[in-house]
Amino acid sequence: MQRTVLSKRRNKYLQTTLIEAAKMAPRYSPTLVLLYGREKQKGNANRATLALARKLVAYLMAADRGQTHFLVSIRRPVRRPEPAV
């Protein structure tokens, strides 16, 4: 299936928020980490981020329809130690 841009008639602020959320999502969801890795192998990092944004929209639409609840096993992001100055 050929994917195109998220939308030609878009709300640029909503699109920016979705992209930023997609960049943060793999830190908290193991399922999205797998999706990101699979999509990144197929293309590049930008394509993988767009795939995550589409998945987040699907989650939001499902939650809005009331068919499912969006539950995530929260995983704290890994904190890297600060370099010594």
Protein backbone atom coordinates (compact mmCIF):
# COMPACT_ATOMS: atom_id res chain seq x y z
CA MET A 1 0.00 0.00 0.00
CA GLN A 2 1.39 3.37 -1.01
CA ARG A 3 1.37 5.98 1.75
CA THR A 4 1.29 9.67 1.02
CA VAL A 5 1.58 12.71 3.26
CA LEU A 6 -0.58 12.74 6.38
CA SER A 7 -3.04 15.13 4.78
CA LYS A 8 -3.03 17.84 2.15
CA ARG A 9 -5.79 19.71 3.98
CA ARG A 10 -4.14 19.67 7.35
CA ASN A 11 -3.98 21.60 10.54
CA LYS A 12 -0.25 22.30 10.71
CA TYR A 13 -0.29 22.64 14.50
CA LEU A 14 -2.01 19.30 14.96
CA GLN A 15 0.38 17.68 12.49
CA THR A 16 3.39 19.08 14.35
CA THR A 17 1.98 17.80 17.64
CA LEU A 18 1.42 14.33 16.16
CA ILE A 19 4.96 14.17 14.78
CA GLU A 20 6.46 15.24 18.10
CA ALA A 21 4.30 12.70 19.94
CA ALA A 22 5.44 10.02 17.49
CA LYS A 23 9.06 10.87 18.21
CA MET A 24 8.46 10.46 21.96
CA ALA A 25 6.17 7.42 21.81
CA PRO A 26 8.81 4.67 21.45
CA ARG A 27 10.27 5.70 24.80
CA TYR A 28 7.08 4.63 26.55
CA SER A 29 5.54 1.81 24.47
CA PRO A 30 7.34 -1.45 23.61
CA THR A 31 4.83 -2.08 20.79
CA LEU A 32 5.72 1.19 19.14
CA VAL A 33 9.44 0.45 19.50
CA LEU A 34 8.92 -2.66 17.37
CA LEU A 35 6.88 -0.75 14.79
CA TYR A 36 9.52 1.99 14.60
CA GLY A 37 12.32 -0.54 14.10
CA ARG A 38 10.43 -2.45 11.42
CA GLU A 39 9.55 0.71 9.49
CA LYS A 40 13.06 2.14 9.83
CA GLN A 41 14.49 -0.99 8.21
CA LYS A 42 12.16 -0.50 5.24
CA GLY A 43 12.93 3.17 4.72
CA ASN A 44 14.38 5.98 6.74
CA ALA A 45 13.76 7.55 10.14
CA ASN A 46 11.26 10.10 8.80
CA ARG A 47 9.14 7.37 7.24
CA ALA A 48 9.21 5.43 10.52
CA THR A 49 8.09 8.52 12.44
CA LEU A 50 5.18 9.01 10.05
CA ALA A 51 4.17 5.36 10.54
CA LEU A 52 4.12 5.96 14.31
CA ALA A 53 2.05 9.12 13.84
CA ARG A 54 -0.48 7.14 11.79
CA LYS A 55 -0.60 4.45 14.48
CA LEU A 56 -1.21 7.09 17.16
CA VAL A 57 -4.07 8.50 15.09
CA ALA A 58 -5.52 4.99 14.82
CA TYR A 59 -5.28 4.62 18.63
CA LEU A 60 -6.97 8.00 19.14
CA MET A 61 -9.75 7.19 16.68
CA ALA A 62 -10.40 3.82 18.34
CA ALA A 63 -10.52 5.43 21.78
CA ASP A 64 -12.84 8.14 20.47
CA ARG A 65 -15.24 5.62 18.98
CA GLY A 66 -15.40 3.95 22.37
CA GLN A 67 -14.45 0.54 21.05
CA THR A 68 -11.27 0.18 23.07
CA HIS A 69 -9.39 1.91 25.82
CA PHE A 70 -5.87 3.04 25.15
CA LEU A 71 -3.85 1.42 27.92
CA VAL A 72 -0.09 1.48 27.89
CA SER A 73 2.19 -0.28 30.28
CA ILE A 74 4.18 2.78 31.23
CA ARG A 75 7.88 2.32 30.92
CA ARG A 76 10.05 5.09 32.24
CA PRO A 77 12.50 6.52 29.72
CA VAL A 78 16.13 5.67 30.19
CA ARG A 79 18.08 8.57 31.66
CA ARG A 80 21.62 8.83 30.52
CA PRO A 81 24.16 10.14 32.99
CA GLU A 82 25.30 13.71 32.49
CA PRO A 83 28.88 14.04 31.24
CA ALA A 84 31.37 15.29 33.81
CA VAL A 85 32.36 18.90 33.31
